[in-house]
Amino acid sequence: MNDFLNGLVSDLKPVRPRRPYFEAMMLAGLCFAELTLWLALGQARPHLMQVAQTTPAFWWRLASFGLVAGLGAATAISSFDPTVSPRRGLMWIVAAFALYLIGGLFLHGPSGRIGVIQRLDWSDGVDCLIKVALLSAPVTAALGVFMRAGAPTHRAGTALASGIAAAAWAAFVFTFACPHDDPLYVTVWYTLACALSAAAARIVLPIVARW
């Protein structure tokens, strides 16, 4: 019996204790670096300060996606602990996303008779999808590393929260470059971009972050 037990534990190694606050600080540093690099590369839209002063839709996007990104990151990092479920955090994320959609209803679109196809501007919309996916990759990778170091027992929910956090942060960063302020354009393309990035993380992270 003792030989059997010794065989089970012979290859076990000490596990380094998790430090959620350290993970949060590392993630915040990565996000700050990504935003700084994005702006340093000249990606900010022209007359950004004037846009910020005169365009409510600009702040609607920043506030909405900043809130969703924060909730997603907090949910993901807390649920890396095996005793914590991401379910409550995901419910808060749904509520924040609903506020984002409701807020868009109170914003005005472009004046004049402009068709829906023109308002959606599919060529710029596809560019939005690609750039949000690329911008979300570093945060997704970082959360994947933290997830692998933890021991989440609800891997699907944790991966989804991680993907939502990364996608919302990417949308936050891309807002500084996006030339479109039409609520319809933002609601369709930003939501689709975030959904695709979050879905990719939901599929990939549980595979690569097994423990």
Protein backbone atom coordinates (compact mmCIF):
# COMPACT_ATOMS: atom_id res chain seq x y z
CA MET A 1 0.00 0.00 0.00
CA ASN A 2 2.80 2.40 0.91
CA ASP A 3 4.56 1.62 -2.36
CA PHE A 4 1.37 2.42 -4.25
CA LEU A 5 0.98 5.79 -2.49
CA ASN A 6 4.64 6.61 -2.98
CA GLY A 7 4.24 5.91 -6.68
CA LEU A 8 1.34 8.33 -6.92
CA VAL A 9 3.20 11.22 -5.32
CA SER A 10 6.71 10.52 -6.60
CA ASP A 11 6.47 12.93 -9.55
CA LEU A 12 4.58 15.71 -7.77
CA LYS A 13 6.28 19.09 -7.51
CA PRO A 14 5.59 22.06 -5.22
CA VAL A 15 2.97 24.42 -6.62
CA ARG A 16 3.75 28.10 -6.51
CA PRO A 17 0.90 29.95 -4.77
CA ARG A 18 -1.12 32.30 -6.96
CA ARG A 19 -0.95 36.04 -6.47
CA PRO A 20 -4.13 37.52 -7.98
CA TYR A 21 -3.09 41.11 -7.28
CA PHE A 22 0.22 40.53 -9.05
CA GLU A 23 -1.65 39.07 -12.03
CA ALA A 24 -3.96 42.07 -12.09
CA MET A 25 -1.02 44.48 -11.99
CA MET A 26 0.77 42.58 -14.75
CA LEU A 27 -2.38 42.66 -16.89
CA ALA A 28 -2.87 46.39 -16.24
CA GLY A 29 0.74 47.03 -17.24
CA LEU A 30 0.29 45.07 -20.46
CA CYS A 31 -2.88 46.99 -21.31
CA PHE A 32 -1.20 50.34 -20.61
CA ALA A 33 1.75 49.36 -22.79
CA GLU A 34 -0.52 48.28 -25.64
CA LEU A 35 -2.52 51.51 -25.55
CA THR A 36 0.64 53.62 -25.35
CA LEU A 37 2.21 51.78 -28.30
CA TRP A 38 -1.00 52.07 -30.31
CA LEU A 39 -1.05 55.85 -29.87
CA ALA A 40 2.73 56.19 -30.31
CA LEU A 41 2.43 54.50 -33.71
CA GLY A 42 0.14 57.33 -34.81
CA GLN A 43 -3.05 55.31 -34.82
CA ALA A 44 -5.16 58.00 -33.14
CA ARG A 45 -7.80 59.52 -35.40
CA PRO A 46 -7.28 63.12 -36.54
CA HIS A 47 -8.51 65.88 -34.20
CA LEU A 48 -8.95 63.40 -31.37
CA MET A 49 -9.24 66.08 -28.69
CA GLN A 50 -11.98 67.86 -30.63
CA VAL A 51 -13.81 64.57 -31.12
CA ALA A 52 -13.61 63.87 -27.39
CA GLN A 53 -15.12 67.27 -26.61
CA THR A 54 -17.96 67.15 -29.12
CA THR A 55 -18.88 63.49 -29.66
CA PRO A 56 -20.88 61.67 -26.94
CA ALA A 57 -20.54 58.40 -28.87
CA PHE A 58 -16.79 58.47 -28.27
CA TRP A 59 -17.26 58.44 -24.50
CA TRP A 60 -20.10 55.93 -24.79
CA ARG A 61 -17.69 53.48 -26.38
CA LEU A 62 -14.85 54.12 -23.95
CA ALA A 63 -17.08 53.85 -20.89
CA SER A 64 -18.93 50.76 -22.15
CA PHE A 65 -15.95 48.72 -23.27
CA GLY A 66 -13.79 49.87 -20.38
CA LEU A 67 -16.44 48.65 -17.94
CA VAL A 68 -16.89 45.32 -19.72
CA ALA A 69 -13.12 44.81 -19.92
CA GLY A 70 -12.72 45.51 -16.21
CA LEU A 71 -15.53 43.17 -15.22
CA GLY A 72 -14.21 40.47 -17.55
CA ALA A 73 -10.67 40.70 -16.18
CA ALA A 74 -11.86 40.66 -12.57
CA THR A 75 -14.09 37.66 -13.27
CA ALA A 76 -11.35 35.75 -15.07
CA ILE A 77 -8.62 36.38 -12.50
CA SER A 78 -10.84 35.54 -9.53
CA SER A 79 -12.10 32.34 -11.19
CA PHE A 80 -8.57 31.02 -11.73
CA ASP A 81 -9.04 29.95 -8.12
CA PRO A 82 -10.69 26.48 -8.12
CA THR A 83 -13.15 27.53 -5.42
CA VAL A 84 -14.52 30.52 -7.34
CA SER A 85 -17.17 30.29 -10.06
CA PRO A 86 -17.25 32.88 -12.88
CA ARG A 87 -21.03 32.72 -13.09
CA ARG A 88 -21.80 35.85 -11.04
CA GLY A 89 -19.17 37.85 -12.88
CA LEU A 90 -20.57 36.76 -16.24
CA MET A 91 -24.00 37.96 -15.15
CA TRP A 92 -22.54 41.38 -14.34
CA ILE A 93 -20.90 41.40 -17.76
CA VAL A 94 -24.26 40.70 -19.41
CA ALA A 95 -25.77 43.60 -17.45
CA ALA A 96 -22.95 45.93 -18.51
CA PHE A 97 -23.35 44.87 -22.13
CA ALA A 98 -27.08 45.55 -21.93
CA LEU A 99 -26.30 49.07 -20.67
CA TYR A 100 -23.99 49.53 -23.65
CA LEU A 101 -26.78 48.60 -26.06
CA ILE A 102 -29.33 50.76 -24.26
CA GLY A 103 -26.94 53.71 -24.26
CA GLY A 104 -26.64 53.47 -28.03
CA LEU A 105 -30.38 54.01 -28.39
CA PHE A 106 -30.05 57.52 -26.96
CA LEU A 107 -27.37 58.61 -29.42
CA HIS A 108 -28.13 60.17 -32.77
CA GLY A 109 -26.93 58.75 -36.06
CA PRO A 110 -25.81 60.79 -39.07
CA SER A 111 -28.24 63.39 -40.30
CA GLY A 112 -29.80 63.17 -43.74
CA ARG A 113 -31.09 60.24 -45.74
CA ILE A 114 -28.28 57.73 -45.52
CA GLY A 115 -29.05 54.08 -46.14
CA VAL A 116 -28.26 51.32 -43.70
CA ILE A 117 -25.64 49.80 -46.03
CA GLN A 118 -23.80 53.12 -46.22
CA ARG A 119 -24.00 53.59 -42.47
CA LEU A 120 -22.51 50.15 -41.84
CA ASP A 121 -19.62 50.71 -44.30
CA TRP A 122 -18.66 47.06 -44.60
CA SER A 123 -15.06 47.71 -45.74
CA ASP A 124 -14.24 49.65 -42.58
CA GLY A 125 -16.28 47.14 -40.61
CA VAL A 126 -14.09 44.26 -41.76
CA ASP A 127 -11.03 46.32 -40.83
CA CYS A 128 -12.57 46.75 -37.38
CA LEU A 129 -12.98 42.98 -37.02
CA ILE A 130 -9.36 42.32 -37.95
CA LYS A 131 -7.83 45.00 -35.74
CA VAL A 132 -9.93 44.15 -32.70
CA ALA A 133 -8.89 40.51 -33.08
CA LEU A 134 -5.20 41.49 -33.29
CA LEU A 135 -5.42 43.92 -30.38
CA SER A 136 -7.12 41.32 -28.21
CA ALA A 137 -4.41 38.69 -28.78
CA PRO A 138 -1.83 39.93 -26.21
CA VAL A 139 -4.39 40.16 -23.40
CA THR A 140 -5.86 36.78 -24.33
CA ALA A 141 -2.38 35.25 -24.24
CA ALA A 142 -1.59 36.78 -20.85
CA LEU A 143 -4.85 35.57 -19.33
CA GLY A 144 -4.19 32.15 -20.85
CA VAL A 145 -0.83 32.01 -19.06
CA PHE A 146 -2.46 33.01 -15.76
CA MET A 147 -5.21 30.46 -16.34
CA ARG A 148 -2.68 27.72 -16.92
CA ALA A 149 -0.89 28.65 -13.69
CA GLY A 150 -4.17 28.49 -11.78
CA ALA A 151 -6.61 25.66 -11.38
CA PRO A 152 -10.04 26.81 -12.58
CA THR A 153 -12.80 24.28 -12.14
CA HIS A 154 -15.16 26.10 -14.51
CA ARG A 155 -12.79 26.32 -17.46
CA ALA A 156 -15.42 27.17 -20.05
CA GLY A 157 -16.78 30.13 -18.07
CA THR A 158 -13.30 31.29 -17.11
CA ALA A 159 -12.14 31.13 -20.73
CA LEU A 160 -15.22 33.07 -21.84
CA ALA A 161 -14.61 35.78 -19.23
CA SER A 162 -10.98 35.99 -20.37
CA GLY A 163 -12.04 36.33 -24.00
CA ILE A 164 -14.61 38.99 -23.19
CA ALA A 165 -12.05 40.98 -21.20
CA ALA A 166 -9.51 40.83 -24.04
CA ALA A 167 -12.07 41.66 -26.73
CA ALA A 168 -13.58 44.59 -24.81
CA TRP A 169 -10.13 45.99 -24.10
CA ALA A 170 -9.27 45.71 -27.81
CA ALA A 171 -12.46 47.61 -28.66
CA PHE A 172 -11.51 50.25 -26.07
CA VAL A 173 -8.09 50.74 -27.70
CA PHE A 174 -9.48 50.71 -31.25
CA THR A 175 -11.95 53.46 -30.32
CA PHE A 176 -9.08 55.97 -30.40
CA ALA A 177 -8.49 55.16 -34.07
CA CYS A 178 -11.98 54.41 -35.39
CA PRO A 179 -13.36 57.24 -37.57
CA HIS A 180 -16.98 56.15 -37.16
CA ASP A 181 -19.28 57.52 -34.47
CA ASP A 182 -22.57 56.22 -35.86
CA PRO A 183 -24.25 54.17 -33.08
CA LEU A 184 -25.53 51.67 -35.65
CA TYR A 185 -22.03 51.07 -37.01
CA VAL A 186 -20.58 50.71 -33.51
CA THR A 187 -23.34 48.41 -32.28
CA VAL A 188 -23.02 46.06 -35.24
CA TRP A 189 -19.30 45.92 -35.93
CA TYR A 190 -17.89 46.34 -32.43
CA THR A 191 -20.32 43.79 -31.03
CA LEU A 192 -19.49 41.33 -33.79
CA ALA A 193 -15.75 41.89 -33.37
CA CYS A 194 -15.95 41.31 -29.62
CA ALA A 195 -18.15 38.25 -30.06
CA LEU A 196 -15.75 36.61 -32.52
CA SER A 197 -12.67 37.33 -30.37
CA ALA A 198 -14.40 36.11 -27.21
CA ALA A 199 -15.62 32.96 -28.97
CA ALA A 200 -12.11 32.18 -30.19
CA ALA A 201 -10.75 32.50 -26.65
CA ARG A 202 -13.58 30.36 -25.32
CA ILE A 203 -12.56 27.57 -27.72
CA VAL A 204 -8.78 27.84 -27.50
CA LEU A 205 -8.03 28.64 -23.85
CA PRO A 206 -9.55 25.48 -22.30
CA ILE A 207 -7.35 23.45 -24.65
CA VAL A 208 -4.05 25.23 -24.07
CA ALA A 209 -4.60 25.98 -20.37
CA ARG A 210 -5.16 22.47 -19.07
CA TRP A 211 -3.78 21.74 -15.61
